[in-house]
Protein backbone atom coordinates (compact mmCIF):
# COMPACT_ATOMS: atom_id res chain seq x y z
CA MET A 1 80.43 134.72 92.79
CA LEU A 2 77.32 133.18 94.37
CA LEU A 3 77.36 130.30 91.89
CA ARG A 4 81.05 129.63 92.61
CA ALA A 5 80.38 129.63 96.36
CA LEU A 6 77.52 127.19 95.93
CA LEU A 7 79.69 124.88 93.84
CA VAL A 8 82.48 124.94 96.43
CA ALA A 9 79.96 124.19 99.17
CA ALA A 10 78.53 121.29 97.17
CA VAL A 11 81.98 119.75 96.72
CA ALA A 12 82.70 120.14 100.45
CA LEU A 13 79.39 118.51 101.39
CA SER A 14 79.99 115.59 99.03
CA ALA A 15 83.50 114.92 100.36
CA PRO A 16 83.62 111.68 102.33
CA ALA A 17 84.44 111.71 106.02
CA PRO A 18 86.44 108.91 107.67
CA THR A 19 84.38 106.30 109.50
CA ALA A 20 87.43 105.14 111.46
CA ARG A 21 91.10 105.89 112.06
CA VAL A 22 93.11 102.82 113.00
CA ALA A 23 96.52 103.22 114.68
CA THR A 24 98.73 100.63 112.98
CA GLY A 25 102.32 101.78 113.62
CA SER A 26 104.74 104.40 112.39
CA ASN A 27 104.82 105.20 108.66
CA PRO A 28 102.10 102.86 107.34
CA CYS A 29 103.01 102.23 103.72
CA GLY A 30 101.34 99.53 101.60
CA ALA A 31 98.21 97.53 102.38
CA ALA A 32 96.33 94.50 101.13
CA ALA A 33 93.16 92.60 102.04
CA GLY A 34 92.81 88.88 102.61
CA PHE A 35 92.09 86.13 105.14
CA GLY A 36 89.28 88.25 106.57
CA SER A 37 91.56 91.16 107.43
CA VAL A 38 93.32 94.26 106.19
CA TRP A 39 97.12 93.99 106.38
CA VAL A 40 99.24 97.13 106.69
CA ALA A 41 103.03 97.24 106.39
CA ASN A 42 104.52 99.89 108.68
CA TYR A 43 107.77 101.17 107.20
CA GLY A 44 109.01 102.90 110.35
CA SER A 45 108.01 100.44 113.04
CA GLY A 46 108.84 97.38 110.93
CA THR A 47 105.58 95.53 111.49
CA LEU A 48 102.81 94.00 109.46
CA ALA A 49 99.60 94.94 111.26
CA ARG A 50 96.45 92.83 110.97
CA VAL A 51 93.28 94.95 111.15
CA ASP A 52 89.90 93.40 111.89
CA PRO A 53 87.46 95.24 109.59
CA ARG A 54 84.55 94.42 111.91
CA THR A 55 86.03 96.22 114.90
CA ASN A 56 88.63 98.51 113.27
CA ARG A 57 91.20 97.19 115.73
CA VAL A 58 94.68 95.77 115.24
CA THR A 59 94.58 92.12 116.30
CA ALA A 60 98.21 91.20 115.54
CA ARG A 61 101.56 92.77 114.70
CA ILE A 62 104.15 90.63 112.91
CA ARG A 63 107.78 91.71 112.90
CA VAL A 64 109.01 92.14 109.32
CA GLY A 65 111.73 94.75 109.83
CA ARG A 66 111.98 98.47 109.21
CA GLY A 67 111.66 99.24 105.51
CA ALA A 68 108.53 97.15 104.91
CA CYS A 69 106.12 98.63 102.38
CA ALA A 70 104.34 96.86 99.50
CA VAL A 71 102.01 93.96 100.35
CA ALA A 72 100.48 91.26 98.11
CA LEU A 73 98.69 87.92 98.50
CA ALA A 74 99.56 84.71 96.67
CA GLY A 75 99.53 80.99 97.40
CA GLY A 76 97.75 81.42 100.71
CA MET A 77 100.52 83.67 101.97
CA LEU A 78 101.27 87.35 102.42
CA TRP A 79 104.24 88.87 100.62
CA VAL A 80 106.00 92.05 101.75
CA THR A 81 108.86 94.10 100.30
CA ASN A 82 111.64 95.44 102.50
CA ASP A 83 113.82 97.96 100.71
CA ARG A 84 116.26 98.32 103.62
CA THR A 85 117.19 94.66 103.80
CA GLY A 86 116.76 93.93 100.08
CA GLU A 87 114.29 91.15 100.78
CA ILE A 88 110.85 89.88 99.89
CA LEU A 89 109.20 88.31 102.91
CA ARG A 90 106.70 85.47 102.80
CA VAL A 91 104.40 85.64 105.82
CA ASP A 92 102.08 82.85 106.90
CA PRO A 93 98.89 84.57 108.13
CA ARG A 94 97.99 81.61 110.35
CA THR A 95 101.29 80.82 112.09
CA ARG A 96 102.77 84.32 111.59
CA SER A 97 106.07 82.73 110.58
CA VAL A 98 108.28 84.75 108.23
CA ARG A 99 110.53 83.45 105.46
CA ARG A 100 113.03 85.88 103.93
CA ILE A 101 113.99 85.84 100.26
CA ALA A 102 117.07 87.87 99.38
CA VAL A 103 116.68 89.78 96.10
CA GLY A 104 118.83 92.86 96.74
CA GLY A 105 118.46 96.18 95.02
CA ALA A 106 115.84 97.84 97.25
CA PRO A 107 112.63 96.05 96.17
CA PHE A 108 109.85 98.55 95.47
CA GLY A 109 106.85 97.36 93.44
CA LEU A 110 105.09 94.07 94.17
CA VAL A 111 102.30 92.20 92.42
CA ALA A 112 100.88 88.68 92.40
CA ALA A 113 99.98 87.67 88.83
CA ALA A 114 100.18 84.80 86.34
CA GLY A 115 100.68 82.33 89.17
CA HIS A 116 103.79 83.99 90.56
CA VAL A 117 104.97 86.90 92.71
CA TRP A 118 106.84 89.70 90.95
CA ALA A 119 108.88 92.57 92.38
CA THR A 120 110.97 95.41 91.01
CA THR A 121 114.47 95.93 92.39
CA TRP A 122 115.08 99.66 92.26
CA SER A 123 118.87 99.89 92.27
CA LYS A 124 119.50 96.72 90.21
CA GLY A 125 117.17 97.56 87.31
CA THR A 126 115.38 94.24 87.33
CA VAL A 127 112.09 92.49 87.88
CA VAL A 128 112.34 89.26 89.86
CA GLU A 129 109.89 86.39 89.56
CA ILE A 130 109.26 84.29 92.67
CA ASP A 131 107.61 80.88 92.85
CA PRO A 132 105.04 81.23 95.66
CA VAL A 133 105.31 77.53 96.58
CA SER A 134 109.09 77.19 96.86
CA ALA A 135 109.58 80.87 97.82
CA ARG A 136 112.57 81.06 95.48
CA VAL A 137 113.54 83.45 92.70
CA VAL A 138 113.04 81.56 89.43
CA ARG A 139 113.82 84.34 86.95
CA THR A 140 115.37 87.79 86.82
CA ILE A 141 114.38 90.14 83.98
CA GLU A 142 116.50 93.17 83.07
CA VAL A 143 114.25 96.22 82.56
CA GLY A 144 116.63 99.17 82.94
CA GLY A 145 117.43 101.82 85.48
CA TYR A 146 115.45 102.45 88.67
CA PRO A 147 112.24 100.45 88.24
CA ALA A 148 109.60 101.48 90.75
CA GLY A 149 105.87 100.66 90.59
CA LEU A 150 104.50 97.42 89.22
CA ALA A 151 101.07 96.45 87.87
CA PHE A 152 99.40 93.69 85.87
CA ALA A 153 96.97 94.54 83.08
CA ALA A 154 95.96 93.14 79.68
CA GLY A 155 97.97 89.97 80.30
CA ALA A 156 101.26 91.74 80.95
CA LEU A 157 103.39 93.25 83.69
CA TRP A 158 103.83 97.01 83.64
CA VAL A 159 106.86 98.67 85.20
CA GLY A 160 107.17 102.30 86.27
CA PHE A 161 110.50 104.11 86.61
CA SER A 162 111.93 106.92 88.72
CA ARG A 163 114.73 109.44 88.13
CA ASP A 164 114.91 110.73 84.53
CA ALA A 165 112.84 108.05 82.81
CA THR A 166 110.12 109.16 80.38
CA ALA A 167 108.76 105.73 79.54
CA ILE A 168 107.13 102.78 81.23
CA ALA A 169 107.83 99.15 80.32
CA ARG A 170 105.54 96.32 79.31
CA VAL A 171 106.91 92.88 80.20
CA ASP A 172 105.52 89.67 78.73
CA PRO A 173 105.40 87.25 81.70
CA ALA A 174 105.88 84.23 79.41
CA SER A 175 108.70 85.35 77.14
CA ALA A 176 110.19 88.12 79.34
CA ALA A 177 110.18 90.42 76.31
CA VAL A 178 110.39 94.07 77.33
CA GLU A 179 108.71 96.88 75.38
CA ARG A 180 109.00 100.60 76.17
CA ILE A 181 106.01 102.94 75.96
CA ASP A 182 106.87 106.62 76.10
CA VAL A 183 104.56 108.77 78.24
CA GLY A 184 106.03 112.14 77.31
CA ALA A 185 107.05 113.26 80.80
CA ARG A 186 109.64 112.46 83.45
CA THR A 187 109.35 109.94 86.28
CA PRO A 188 106.37 107.70 85.45
CA ALA A 189 106.78 105.84 88.73
CA THR A 190 103.59 104.22 90.06
CA PHE A 191 100.27 102.87 88.82
CA ALA A 192 96.59 102.81 89.66
CA ARG A 193 94.17 100.39 88.02
CA GLY A 194 91.13 101.81 86.30
CA THR A 195 88.36 99.84 84.63
CA GLY A 196 89.11 97.17 82.06
CA ASP A 197 92.58 97.52 80.56
CA THR A 198 93.12 101.09 81.74
CA LEU A 199 96.18 102.05 83.76
CA TRP A 200 96.82 105.41 85.35
CA VAL A 201 100.45 106.42 85.83
CA ASP A 202 101.78 108.98 88.31
CA VAL A 203 104.24 111.08 86.32
CA ALA A 204 106.70 113.59 87.78
CA ASP A 205 104.75 113.43 91.05
CA SER A 206 102.01 115.81 89.95
CA ASP A 207 100.70 114.54 86.62
CA LEU A 208 98.47 111.61 85.77
CA VAL A 209 98.71 109.80 82.45
CA ARG A 210 96.02 107.41 81.28
CA VAL A 211 97.31 104.40 79.35
CA ASP A 212 95.32 101.92 77.32
CA ALA A 213 97.22 98.75 78.28
CA ARG A 214 95.88 96.69 75.36
CA ALA A 215 96.56 99.36 72.73
CA ARG A 216 99.83 100.25 74.51
CA ARG A 217 99.46 104.00 74.20
CA VAL A 218 98.69 107.14 76.18
CA VAL A 219 95.07 108.23 75.74
CA ALA A 220 94.77 111.11 78.22
CA ARG A 221 96.75 113.21 80.68
CA LEU A 222 95.95 115.73 83.37
CA HIS A 223 97.80 117.85 85.90
CA VAL A 224 96.74 117.45 89.51
CA GLY A 225 98.20 117.85 92.98
CA HIS A 226 101.75 117.92 94.19
CA THR A 227 103.23 114.54 95.19
CA LEU A 228 100.93 111.78 94.01
CA ALA A 229 101.13 108.25 95.36
CA GLN A 230 99.31 104.93 94.90
CA GLY A 231 95.59 105.07 94.16
CA THR A 232 92.82 102.75 93.09
CA ARG A 233 89.27 102.71 91.74
CA ALA A 234 86.32 103.34 94.08
CA PRO A 235 82.91 101.57 93.84
CA ASP A 236 81.36 104.62 92.16
CA GLY A 237 83.89 104.35 89.33
CA THR A 238 86.01 107.33 90.33
CA LEU A 239 89.73 106.97 90.83
CA TRP A 240 91.09 107.88 94.27
CA ILE A 241 94.63 109.26 94.01
CA PRO A 242 96.41 110.21 97.28
CA ASP A 243 98.73 113.20 97.56
CA LYS A 244 101.22 112.71 100.37
CA GLU A 245 102.45 116.31 100.28
CA VAL A 246 99.06 117.90 101.02
CA ASP A 247 97.50 115.01 103.02
CA ALA A 248 94.56 114.60 100.67
CA VAL A 249 92.92 112.32 98.12
CA TYR A 250 91.77 113.50 94.68
CA ARG A 251 88.78 111.93 92.96
CA ILE A 252 89.23 111.55 89.21
CA ASP A 253 86.26 111.01 86.90
CA PRO A 254 87.42 108.52 84.21
CA ARG A 255 84.55 109.51 81.93
CA THR A 256 85.82 113.06 81.62
CA ASN A 257 89.45 112.61 82.76
CA LYS A 258 88.92 115.48 85.19
CA VAL A 259 89.24 116.05 88.93
CA ARG A 260 85.87 115.95 90.69
CA GLY A 261 87.18 117.14 94.04
CA SER A 262 89.48 116.34 96.94
CA PHE A 263 89.27 115.67 100.66
CA PRO A 264 91.58 115.27 103.70
CA ALA A 265 92.96 111.77 104.19
CA GLY A 266 95.65 111.60 106.83
CA ASP A 267 99.23 112.74 107.31
CA GLY A 268 101.13 111.86 104.16
CA ALA A 269 98.25 110.05 102.41
CA PHE A 270 100.04 107.35 100.46
CA HIS A 271 98.26 104.11 99.52
CA VAL A 272 94.56 103.53 98.83
CA LEU A 273 93.04 100.07 99.26
CA ARG A 274 89.49 99.04 98.38
CA ALA A 275 88.27 96.27 100.70
CA PHE A 276 85.38 95.18 102.92
CA GLY A 277 83.00 97.79 101.50
CA SER A 278 85.40 100.61 102.32
CA MET A 279 88.32 102.63 101.04
CA TRP A 280 91.40 102.54 103.28
CA VAL A 281 94.15 105.20 103.07
CA THR A 282 97.53 104.80 104.77
CA SER A 283 99.13 107.83 106.41
CA TYR A 284 102.80 107.40 105.51
CA ALA A 285 103.93 110.47 107.46
CA GLY A 286 101.80 109.44 110.43
CA ALA A 287 100.85 106.27 112.27
CA ASP A 288 97.34 105.35 111.22
CA VAL A 289 95.04 104.23 108.42
CA TRP A 290 91.88 106.18 107.57
CA ARG A 291 88.79 104.23 106.60
CA PHE A 292 86.10 105.72 104.37
CA LYS A 293 82.76 104.26 103.36
CA GLY A 294 83.11 102.77 99.90
C-alpha cells in the first residue's frame, strides 16, 4: 500500500502544470503555429484567434464563421475548415482577408502536404485536393463513407472514418489509389503523429491503435480513457492524447506502448499543438487554450 501511494504521488508530482491559460473564444477547436503566432479556430464564436506566444495574449480575431475547426498552413496562408458552411477558408495572416472555397459535405480533417491542401468531406465520402495558389479544388477522391481525420505519413495521405468503419484508408497523392487497412475495431477516426512513420489512431473513442505507415499494418493497441481527441508528440518523445470527456491529457510512452500518466488540461481537452517550446491544448467545451512547458 505504501509503495502504491508513493507511485501515485510521484505521478502527481511529475504532471505538468499550465504556464498560461489564454481566452480565445467559445469552443476552441483546432490550432496551428506559424507567422510567429499560434492560431486557434473557435467553433462556437466563429473566429480565428491569433495568440502572441511571447505575451500569451490574443492580438487579433478574424471572422471565419461558426463551425470553424481544423487549421493548417500552406503557401503563406492559413487554411480553416468550416463544417457548418461546407467551406475551406483561405486566410491571409497579413491582411486578414478571407477567401471561401465551397467543398460541401461538412469538411473535417485538414492537412497541408505534397504541395497542396487536402480535406475530408464527412457526409460526401471524399477527400478534396486544393491548389494553395489558385485556392481551387483540383481533384476529388472517393474514399467511402464518413471520412474524418486526415494525416500525412510515409509519403501518403491517411484517412480516418467515423460511424461503423473498422478500417482506415491510405491514399496515394499522385495516383489517388485508395487502400484499406483494417484496424480491428470500430470508428478509427483521428490521428496523432509519432516518430518516423508511426501513426496513432483513436479508435472507438477510447482505444489507441499504433500503425506502421510504411509497413501498412497495426503493430500495437491499448485501451485508455473515454473520449479521445487529437494528440501529438511532445519533446520528451511521449505522445500527448487529450480526452475531452474527462478534461485531461494522457501521456503515452511509445517505447512500451503504455500510459505513463495523465493530468488536467481544460474543459473538453480536444487538440494538442506543439509550438514555441510549449504544448498547447484547446478546451473545446470551454473558451480557452492551456499552455504547458514543452
